[in-house]
Amino acid sequence: MIYSRSIRKNSPHKRPILLFPEAMPQAHTATNIRNTMKQEGLRITPQRFAVYANLLGRADHPTVEQILEDVNADLPIASKASIYSALTVLREVNLVREVLLDEGVTRYDANVNPHHHFVCRGCGAIQDLPWQAFSCFDLSQFSAEVTAESYEVTVKGLCAGCRA
């Protein structure tokens, strides 16, 4: 599993220290991945399979470029367009989601359950935070002029590796 690619190159450590080990990606077999895609009615192409398997095996919220680099290590026929196409299809059936943070770069996550994020301002690591950590907001408190449907909290700070 690859975690270090979302870490800044000048970082003193290669892997983020997980704040919540339960956020660690679970092992997924090829059969499980195929079954999940079939349940969503997807045609299983090598690119879609590779992109989804890649995202399921990591917790670092990669960019398209990072996914492309990893997928091409195993499947050298993938292009940036095929990665975008696979991500679009996977997102439409709610198998992956986009993560938009302050940096202005779209990242992707196979954890589609409600959760928040921690971003280390030292090394750039992004980690999932459990939903329960900030589940107490009452969206009905907003004025009648807006209809709030959901929210995500991004906590910024230093991970244990950068504090050391």
N, C-alpha and C. Protein backbone atom coordinates (compact mmCIF):
# COMPACT_ATOMS: atom_id res chain seq x y z
N MET A 1 0.83 -1.18 0.00
CA MET A 1 0.00 0.00 0.00
C MET A 1 0.88 1.24 0.00
N ILE A 2 0.44 2.25 -0.71
CA ILE A 2 1.25 3.45 -0.84
C ILE A 2 0.62 4.59 -0.06
N TYR A 3 1.40 5.17 0.82
CA TYR A 3 0.93 6.30 1.61
C TYR A 3 1.81 7.51 1.41
N SER A 4 3.04 7.30 1.04
CA SER A 4 4.01 8.39 1.03
C SER A 4 3.87 9.33 -0.16
N ARG A 5 3.14 8.97 -1.17
CA ARG A 5 3.10 9.83 -2.35
C ARG A 5 2.34 11.12 -2.12
N SER A 6 1.51 11.20 -1.09
CA SER A 6 0.84 12.46 -0.81
C SER A 6 1.65 13.32 0.15
N ILE A 7 2.78 12.80 0.61
CA ILE A 7 3.64 13.52 1.53
C ILE A 7 4.55 14.43 0.72
N ARG A 8 4.77 15.63 1.20
CA ARG A 8 5.64 16.56 0.49
C ARG A 8 7.05 16.00 0.40
N LYS A 9 7.74 16.31 -0.70
CA LYS A 9 9.07 15.76 -0.93
C LYS A 9 10.07 16.16 0.14
N ASN A 10 9.92 17.32 0.76
CA ASN A 10 10.87 17.77 1.77
C ASN A 10 10.50 17.29 3.16
N SER A 11 9.55 16.38 3.25
CA SER A 11 9.11 15.88 4.55
C SER A 11 10.19 15.02 5.18
N PRO A 12 10.40 15.14 6.50
CA PRO A 12 11.40 14.32 7.17
C PRO A 12 10.98 12.86 7.35
N HIS A 13 9.71 12.56 7.12
CA HIS A 13 9.26 11.17 7.26
C HIS A 13 8.50 10.76 6.02
N LYS A 14 8.47 9.47 5.76
CA LYS A 14 7.91 8.99 4.51
C LYS A 14 6.44 8.60 4.61
N ARG A 15 5.99 8.22 5.78
CA ARG A 15 4.60 7.81 5.92
C ARG A 15 3.93 8.60 7.03
N PRO A 16 2.66 8.97 6.83
CA PRO A 16 1.97 9.63 7.92
C PRO A 16 1.71 8.64 9.05
N ILE A 17 1.71 9.13 10.24
CA ILE A 17 1.33 8.31 11.39
C ILE A 17 -0.18 8.44 11.52
N LEU A 18 -0.88 7.33 11.40
CA LEU A 18 -2.33 7.38 11.40
C LEU A 18 -2.87 7.82 12.75
N LEU A 19 -3.71 8.84 12.72
CA LEU A 19 -4.36 9.31 13.94
C LEU A 19 -5.35 8.28 14.44
N PHE A 20 -6.04 7.65 13.52
CA PHE A 20 -7.06 6.67 13.85
C PHE A 20 -6.77 5.41 13.04
N PRO A 21 -6.14 4.40 13.65
CA PRO A 21 -5.79 3.19 12.90
C PRO A 21 -6.98 2.53 12.22
N GLU A 22 -8.19 2.74 12.74
CA GLU A 22 -9.34 2.12 12.09
C GLU A 22 -9.59 2.72 10.70
N ALA A 23 -8.94 3.84 10.39
CA ALA A 23 -9.06 4.45 9.07
C ALA A 23 -8.16 3.76 8.05
N MET A 24 -7.33 2.84 8.50
CA MET A 24 -6.42 2.12 7.62
C MET A 24 -7.23 1.32 6.60
N PRO A 25 -6.84 1.36 5.33
CA PRO A 25 -7.59 0.61 4.33
C PRO A 25 -7.62 -0.89 4.65
N GLN A 26 -8.74 -1.51 4.37
CA GLN A 26 -8.89 -2.94 4.58
C GLN A 26 -8.44 -3.68 3.32
N ALA A 27 -8.01 -4.90 3.49
CA ALA A 27 -7.60 -5.71 2.35
C ALA A 27 -8.84 -6.07 1.53
N HIS A 28 -8.74 -5.94 0.23
CA HIS A 28 -9.83 -6.28 -0.67
C HIS A 28 -9.31 -7.26 -1.70
N THR A 29 -10.04 -8.33 -1.91
CA THR A 29 -9.63 -9.30 -2.92
C THR A 29 -10.16 -8.87 -4.27
N ALA A 30 -9.55 -9.41 -5.31
CA ALA A 30 -10.01 -9.10 -6.67
C ALA A 30 -11.47 -9.51 -6.85
N THR A 31 -11.84 -10.64 -6.26
CA THR A 31 -13.23 -11.10 -6.36
C THR A 31 -14.18 -10.13 -5.68
N ASN A 32 -13.82 -9.64 -4.50
CA ASN A 32 -14.67 -8.66 -3.80
C ASN A 32 -14.83 -7.40 -4.62
N ILE A 33 -13.74 -6.93 -5.22
CA ILE A 33 -13.78 -5.71 -6.02
C ILE A 33 -14.69 -5.91 -7.22
N ARG A 34 -14.52 -7.04 -7.92
CA ARG A 34 -15.37 -7.32 -9.09
C ARG A 34 -16.84 -7.41 -8.68
N ASN A 35 -17.12 -8.11 -7.58
CA ASN A 35 -18.51 -8.25 -7.12
C ASN A 35 -19.13 -6.89 -6.79
N THR A 36 -18.37 -6.03 -6.13
CA THR A 36 -18.88 -4.70 -5.79
C THR A 36 -19.20 -3.92 -7.06
N MET A 37 -18.31 -3.98 -8.03
CA MET A 37 -18.54 -3.25 -9.28
C MET A 37 -19.74 -3.82 -10.03
N LYS A 38 -19.88 -5.15 -10.04
CA LYS A 38 -21.02 -5.78 -10.70
C LYS A 38 -22.33 -5.39 -10.02
N GLN A 39 -22.33 -5.34 -8.68
CA GLN A 39 -23.54 -4.96 -7.95
C GLN A 39 -24.00 -3.56 -8.33
N GLU A 40 -23.06 -2.71 -8.70
CA GLU A 40 -23.40 -1.35 -9.11
C GLU A 40 -23.73 -1.27 -10.60
N GLY A 41 -23.72 -2.42 -11.27
CA GLY A 41 -24.07 -2.46 -12.68
C GLY A 41 -22.97 -1.96 -13.61
N LEU A 42 -21.74 -1.96 -13.13
CA LEU A 42 -20.63 -1.46 -13.93
C LEU A 42 -20.04 -2.55 -14.81
N ARG A 43 -19.68 -2.15 -16.02
CA ARG A 43 -18.87 -3.01 -16.86
C ARG A 43 -17.45 -2.93 -16.30
N ILE A 44 -16.83 -4.06 -16.09
CA ILE A 44 -15.51 -4.07 -15.46
C ILE A 44 -14.45 -4.02 -16.55
N THR A 45 -13.83 -2.85 -16.67
CA THR A 45 -12.71 -2.68 -17.59
C THR A 45 -11.42 -2.77 -16.78
N PRO A 46 -10.30 -3.08 -17.44
CA PRO A 46 -9.03 -3.13 -16.70
C PRO A 46 -8.72 -1.81 -15.99
N GLN A 47 -9.04 -0.69 -16.64
CA GLN A 47 -8.76 0.61 -16.04
C GLN A 47 -9.64 0.87 -14.82
N ARG A 48 -10.93 0.60 -14.94
CA ARG A 48 -11.84 0.81 -13.80
C ARG A 48 -11.43 -0.06 -12.62
N PHE A 49 -11.14 -1.32 -12.92
CA PHE A 49 -10.73 -2.24 -11.86
C PHE A 49 -9.45 -1.73 -11.20
N ALA A 50 -8.47 -1.34 -11.99
CA ALA A 50 -7.18 -0.89 -11.45
C ALA A 50 -7.34 0.38 -10.61
N VAL A 51 -8.15 1.32 -11.08
CA VAL A 51 -8.36 2.57 -10.34
C VAL A 51 -9.07 2.29 -9.02
N TYR A 52 -10.13 1.50 -9.06
CA TYR A 52 -10.88 1.21 -7.83
C TYR A 52 -10.02 0.42 -6.85
N ALA A 53 -9.31 -0.58 -7.33
CA ALA A 53 -8.43 -1.37 -6.46
C ALA A 53 -7.36 -0.49 -5.84
N ASN A 54 -6.81 0.43 -6.63
CA ASN A 54 -5.78 1.34 -6.12
C ASN A 54 -6.33 2.20 -4.99
N LEU A 55 -7.51 2.76 -5.19
CA LEU A 55 -8.10 3.63 -4.16
C LEU A 55 -8.49 2.84 -2.90
N LEU A 56 -8.95 1.61 -3.08
CA LEU A 56 -9.31 0.81 -1.91
C LEU A 56 -8.10 0.45 -1.07
N GLY A 57 -6.94 0.43 -1.69
CA GLY A 57 -5.73 0.02 -0.98
C GLY A 57 -4.92 1.14 -0.39
N ARG A 58 -5.48 2.33 -0.34
CA ARG A 58 -4.70 3.45 0.19
C ARG A 58 -5.59 4.39 1.00
N ALA A 59 -4.94 5.16 1.86
CA ALA A 59 -5.67 6.09 2.72
C ALA A 59 -5.16 7.51 2.57
N ASP A 60 -4.41 7.77 1.50
CA ASP A 60 -3.75 9.08 1.39
C ASP A 60 -4.46 10.07 0.48
N HIS A 61 -5.66 9.74 -0.03
CA HIS A 61 -6.44 10.67 -0.83
C HIS A 61 -5.62 11.18 -2.03
N PRO A 62 -5.30 10.29 -2.97
CA PRO A 62 -4.41 10.65 -4.08
C PRO A 62 -5.07 11.56 -5.11
N THR A 63 -4.22 12.22 -5.88
CA THR A 63 -4.65 13.00 -7.04
C THR A 63 -4.73 12.07 -8.24
N VAL A 64 -5.28 12.57 -9.34
CA VAL A 64 -5.34 11.79 -10.58
C VAL A 64 -3.93 11.39 -11.00
N GLU A 65 -2.99 12.31 -10.88
CA GLU A 65 -1.62 12.03 -11.29
C GLU A 65 -1.01 10.90 -10.46
N GLN A 66 -1.28 10.89 -9.17
CA GLN A 66 -0.76 9.82 -8.31
C GLN A 66 -1.39 8.48 -8.65
N ILE A 67 -2.69 8.49 -8.93
CA ILE A 67 -3.37 7.25 -9.32
C ILE A 67 -2.80 6.75 -10.64
N LEU A 68 -2.63 7.66 -11.60
CA LEU A 68 -2.07 7.29 -12.90
C LEU A 68 -0.70 6.66 -12.75
N GLU A 69 0.14 7.25 -11.94
CA GLU A 69 1.49 6.72 -11.72
C GLU A 69 1.43 5.30 -11.16
N ASP A 70 0.59 5.09 -10.17
CA ASP A 70 0.47 3.76 -9.56
C ASP A 70 -0.14 2.74 -10.53
N VAL A 71 -1.22 3.12 -11.20
CA VAL A 71 -1.88 2.20 -12.11
C VAL A 71 -0.95 1.83 -13.26
N ASN A 72 -0.20 2.78 -13.78
CA ASN A 72 0.70 2.48 -14.88
C ASN A 72 1.87 1.60 -14.47
N ALA A 73 2.16 1.54 -13.19
CA ALA A 73 3.19 0.61 -12.73
C ALA A 73 2.74 -0.83 -12.98
N ASP A 74 1.43 -1.08 -12.92
CA ASP A 74 0.87 -2.41 -13.14
C ASP A 74 0.16 -2.56 -14.48
N LEU A 75 -0.35 -1.47 -15.01
CA LEU A 75 -1.16 -1.50 -16.23
C LEU A 75 -0.72 -0.36 -17.13
N PRO A 76 0.38 -0.54 -17.88
CA PRO A 76 0.95 0.59 -18.62
C PRO A 76 0.11 1.11 -19.79
N ILE A 77 -1.11 0.63 -19.94
CA ILE A 77 -1.96 1.14 -21.02
C ILE A 77 -2.88 2.26 -20.55
N ALA A 78 -2.84 2.61 -19.27
CA ALA A 78 -3.74 3.65 -18.75
C ALA A 78 -3.25 5.03 -19.15
N SER A 79 -4.19 5.90 -19.48
CA SER A 79 -3.87 7.30 -19.79
C SER A 79 -4.57 8.17 -18.75
N LYS A 80 -4.22 9.43 -18.73
CA LYS A 80 -4.88 10.35 -17.80
C LYS A 80 -6.38 10.39 -18.09
N ALA A 81 -6.73 10.37 -19.37
CA ALA A 81 -8.15 10.40 -19.75
C ALA A 81 -8.88 9.15 -19.25
N SER A 82 -8.23 7.98 -19.33
CA SER A 82 -8.90 6.76 -18.87
C SER A 82 -9.04 6.76 -17.35
N ILE A 83 -8.09 7.37 -16.64
CA ILE A 83 -8.20 7.48 -15.18
C ILE A 83 -9.37 8.40 -14.83
N TYR A 84 -9.44 9.56 -15.50
CA TYR A 84 -10.57 10.47 -15.26
C TYR A 84 -11.90 9.79 -15.58
N SER A 85 -11.95 9.06 -16.68
CA SER A 85 -13.18 8.38 -17.07
C SER A 85 -13.58 7.34 -16.03
N ALA A 86 -12.62 6.55 -15.57
CA ALA A 86 -12.92 5.54 -14.54
C ALA A 86 -13.39 6.21 -13.26
N LEU A 87 -12.73 7.28 -12.85
CA LEU A 87 -13.12 7.99 -11.63
C LEU A 87 -14.53 8.57 -11.75
N THR A 88 -14.86 9.10 -12.91
CA THR A 88 -16.20 9.65 -13.13
C THR A 88 -17.27 8.58 -12.96
N VAL A 89 -17.05 7.43 -13.59
CA VAL A 89 -18.02 6.34 -13.50
C VAL A 89 -18.12 5.83 -12.06
N LEU A 90 -16.99 5.65 -11.40
CA LEU A 90 -16.99 5.16 -10.02
C LEU A 90 -17.65 6.16 -9.08
N ARG A 91 -17.46 7.44 -9.35
CA ARG A 91 -18.09 8.48 -8.53
C ARG A 91 -19.60 8.51 -8.75
N GLU A 92 -20.04 8.32 -9.98
CA GLU A 92 -21.48 8.35 -10.29
C GLU A 92 -22.25 7.25 -9.56
N VAL A 93 -21.60 6.12 -9.29
CA VAL A 93 -22.28 5.03 -8.57
C VAL A 93 -21.88 5.00 -7.09
N ASN A 94 -21.25 6.07 -6.64
CA ASN A 94 -20.90 6.27 -5.23
C ASN A 94 -19.92 5.23 -4.68
N LEU A 95 -18.98 4.79 -5.51
CA LEU A 95 -17.92 3.91 -5.02
C LEU A 95 -16.69 4.71 -4.61
N VAL A 96 -16.55 5.90 -5.17
CA VAL A 96 -15.48 6.82 -4.75
C VAL A 96 -16.07 8.22 -4.64
N ARG A 97 -15.34 9.07 -3.96
CA ARG A 97 -15.80 10.46 -3.87
C ARG A 97 -14.62 11.40 -4.05
N GLU A 98 -14.95 12.59 -4.49
CA GLU A 98 -13.94 13.64 -4.61
C GLU A 98 -13.75 14.29 -3.25
N VAL A 99 -12.51 14.65 -2.98
CA VAL A 99 -12.18 15.39 -1.76
C VAL A 99 -11.53 16.69 -2.20
N LEU A 100 -12.18 17.80 -1.90
CA LEU A 100 -11.66 19.12 -2.27
C LEU A 100 -11.20 19.82 -1.01
N LEU A 101 -9.92 20.09 -0.94
CA LEU A 101 -9.35 20.78 0.22
C LEU A 101 -8.84 22.14 -0.21
N ASP A 102 -8.32 22.89 0.72
CA ASP A 102 -7.88 24.27 0.45
C ASP A 102 -6.84 24.40 -0.64
N GLU A 103 -6.08 23.35 -0.87
CA GLU A 103 -4.98 23.44 -1.83
C GLU A 103 -5.46 23.59 -3.28
N GLY A 104 -6.74 23.39 -3.53
CA GLY A 104 -7.29 23.55 -4.86
C GLY A 104 -7.07 22.36 -5.77
N VAL A 105 -6.63 21.25 -5.23
CA VAL A 105 -6.39 20.04 -6.00
C VAL A 105 -7.47 19.02 -5.64
N THR A 106 -8.06 18.41 -6.65
CA THR A 106 -9.05 17.37 -6.40
C THR A 106 -8.34 16.08 -6.06
N ARG A 107 -8.76 15.48 -4.97
CA ARG A 107 -8.22 14.19 -4.54
C ARG A 107 -9.38 13.21 -4.50
N TYR A 108 -9.06 11.93 -4.41
CA TYR A 108 -10.10 10.90 -4.46
C TYR A 108 -9.99 9.96 -3.28
N ASP A 109 -11.14 9.41 -2.89
CA ASP A 109 -11.23 8.59 -1.69
C ASP A 109 -12.24 7.48 -1.93
N ALA A 110 -11.88 6.24 -1.60
CA ALA A 110 -12.83 5.13 -1.71
C ALA A 110 -13.66 4.98 -0.45
N ASN A 111 -13.35 5.75 0.58
CA ASN A 111 -14.17 5.75 1.79
C ASN A 111 -15.31 6.73 1.56
N VAL A 112 -16.46 6.21 1.18
CA VAL A 112 -17.61 7.07 0.86
C VAL A 112 -18.54 7.24 2.06
N ASN A 113 -18.19 6.63 3.18
CA ASN A 113 -18.97 6.85 4.40
C ASN A 113 -18.68 8.25 4.93
N PRO A 114 -19.62 8.85 5.65
CA PRO A 114 -19.38 10.20 6.18
C PRO A 114 -18.15 10.21 7.10
N HIS A 115 -17.26 11.14 6.84
CA HIS A 115 -16.08 11.32 7.69
C HIS A 115 -15.48 12.69 7.42
N HIS A 116 -14.56 13.07 8.25
CA HIS A 116 -13.88 14.36 8.14
C HIS A 116 -12.41 14.11 7.83
N HIS A 117 -11.63 15.19 7.75
CA HIS A 117 -10.22 15.04 7.39
C HIS A 117 -9.30 15.85 8.30
N PHE A 118 -8.11 15.32 8.48
CA PHE A 118 -7.01 16.02 9.13
C PHE A 118 -5.95 16.25 8.06
N VAL A 119 -5.46 17.49 7.95
CA VAL A 119 -4.40 17.81 7.00
C VAL A 119 -3.20 18.33 7.78
N CYS A 120 -2.07 17.67 7.60
CA CYS A 120 -0.84 18.12 8.27
C CYS A 120 -0.25 19.26 7.46
N ARG A 121 -0.05 20.40 8.10
CA ARG A 121 0.51 21.55 7.39
C ARG A 121 2.02 21.43 7.23
N GLY A 122 2.62 20.43 7.86
CA GLY A 122 4.05 20.19 7.71
C GLY A 122 4.37 19.34 6.50
N CYS A 123 3.79 18.16 6.43
CA CYS A 123 4.13 17.22 5.36
C CYS A 123 3.04 17.06 4.31
N GLY A 124 1.86 17.60 4.56
CA GLY A 124 0.77 17.50 3.59
C GLY A 124 -0.06 16.24 3.68
N ALA A 125 0.22 15.38 4.66
CA ALA A 125 -0.55 14.14 4.80
C ALA A 125 -2.02 14.46 5.08
N ILE A 126 -2.89 13.67 4.49
CA ILE A 126 -4.33 13.81 4.69
C ILE A 126 -4.83 12.50 5.29
N GLN A 127 -5.54 12.60 6.39
CA GLN A 127 -6.04 11.41 7.05
C GLN A 127 -7.53 11.56 7.35
N ASP A 128 -8.22 10.43 7.33
CA ASP A 128 -9.64 10.43 7.68
C ASP A 128 -9.80 10.57 9.18
N LEU A 129 -10.82 11.33 9.57
CA LEU A 129 -11.23 11.45 10.97
C LEU A 129 -12.63 10.87 11.08
N PRO A 130 -12.95 10.19 12.16
CA PRO A 130 -14.28 9.61 12.29
C PRO A 130 -15.38 10.67 12.30
N TRP A 131 -16.50 10.34 11.71
CA TRP A 131 -17.64 11.24 11.64
C TRP A 131 -18.07 11.69 13.04
N GLN A 132 -18.02 10.78 13.99
CA GLN A 132 -18.50 11.07 15.34
C GLN A 132 -17.73 12.20 16.01
N ALA A 133 -16.52 12.47 15.55
CA ALA A 133 -15.72 13.54 16.15
C ALA A 133 -16.40 14.90 16.02
N PHE A 134 -17.21 15.09 14.97
CA PHE A 134 -17.88 16.38 14.73
C PHE A 134 -19.31 16.16 14.26
N SER A 135 -20.00 15.24 14.86
CA SER A 135 -21.35 14.91 14.39
C SER A 135 -22.45 15.70 15.09
N CYS A 136 -22.07 16.68 15.88
CA CYS A 136 -23.07 17.37 16.71
C CYS A 136 -23.63 18.65 16.07
N PHE A 137 -23.23 18.99 14.86
CA PHE A 137 -23.75 20.20 14.24
C PHE A 137 -25.21 20.00 13.84
N ASP A 138 -26.03 20.98 14.17
CA ASP A 138 -27.45 20.94 13.84
C ASP A 138 -27.66 21.81 12.60
N LEU A 139 -27.82 21.16 11.46
CA LEU A 139 -27.96 21.90 10.20
C LEU A 139 -29.27 22.68 10.12
N SER A 140 -30.23 22.36 10.97
CA SER A 140 -31.50 23.10 10.95
C SER A 140 -31.35 24.49 11.55
N GLN A 141 -30.22 24.80 12.15
CA GLN A 141 -29.99 26.11 12.76
C GLN A 141 -29.69 27.20 11.73
N PHE A 142 -29.46 26.82 10.48
CA PHE A 142 -29.20 27.82 9.45
C PHE A 142 -30.46 28.61 9.14
N SER A 143 -30.29 29.79 8.60
CA SER A 143 -31.44 30.62 8.25
C SER A 143 -32.26 29.95 7.16
N ALA A 144 -33.47 30.42 7.02
CA ALA A 144 -34.38 29.86 6.02
C ALA A 144 -33.91 30.15 4.60
N GLU A 145 -32.94 31.05 4.45
CA GLU A 145 -32.45 31.42 3.12
C GLU A 145 -31.55 30.35 2.52
N VAL A 146 -31.04 29.46 3.33
CA VAL A 146 -30.18 28.39 2.82
C VAL A 146 -30.70 27.04 3.31
N THR A 147 -30.44 26.03 2.52
CA THR A 147 -30.76 24.67 2.91
C THR A 147 -29.45 23.90 2.98
N ALA A 148 -28.96 23.67 4.17
CA ALA A 148 -27.72 22.92 4.35
C ALA A 148 -28.03 21.44 4.24
N GLU A 149 -27.29 20.74 3.40
CA GLU A 149 -27.54 19.32 3.18
C GLU A 149 -26.49 18.43 3.84
N SER A 150 -25.27 18.91 3.91
CA SER A 150 -24.21 18.11 4.51
C SER A 150 -23.05 19.02 4.89
N TYR A 151 -22.10 18.47 5.58
CA TYR A 151 -20.91 19.24 5.94
C TYR A 151 -19.73 18.30 6.14
N GLU A 152 -18.55 18.85 5.99
CA GLU A 152 -17.31 18.15 6.27
C GLU A 152 -16.42 19.11 7.02
N VAL A 153 -15.70 18.60 7.99
CA VAL A 153 -14.77 19.41 8.77
C VAL A 153 -13.36 19.02 8.35
N THR A 154 -12.52 20.02 8.13
CA THR A 154 -11.10 19.79 7.86
C THR A 154 -10.32 20.37 9.02
N VAL A 155 -9.63 19.51 9.73
CA VAL A 155 -8.79 19.92 10.86
C VAL A 155 -7.37 20.05 10.34
N LYS A 156 -6.72 21.16 10.66
CA LYS A 156 -5.35 21.39 10.20
C LYS A 156 -4.42 21.44 11.40
N GLY A 157 -3.24 20.92 11.24
CA GLY A 157 -2.26 20.93 12.32
C GLY A 157 -1.03 20.16 11.91
N LEU A 158 -0.31 19.65 12.88
CA LEU A 158 0.91 18.89 12.62
C LEU A 158 0.71 17.45 13.07
N CYS A 159 1.10 16.52 12.21
CA CYS A 159 1.03 15.11 12.59
C CYS A 159 2.18 14.81 13.56
N ALA A 160 2.14 13.64 14.15
CA ALA A 160 3.15 13.26 15.14
C ALA A 160 4.56 13.28 14.54
N GLY A 161 4.69 12.88 13.29
CA GLY A 161 6.00 12.87 12.65
C GLY A 161 6.57 14.26 12.45
N CYS A 162 5.73 15.23 12.14
CA CYS A 162 6.20 16.61 11.95
C CYS A 162 6.44 17.31 13.28
N ARG A 163 5.73 16.91 14.31
CA ARG A 163 5.95 17.51 15.63
C ARG A 163 7.27 17.05 16.23
N ALA A 164 7.73 15.88 15.84
CA ALA A 164 8.96 15.31 16.43
C ALA A 164 10.20 16.06 15.99
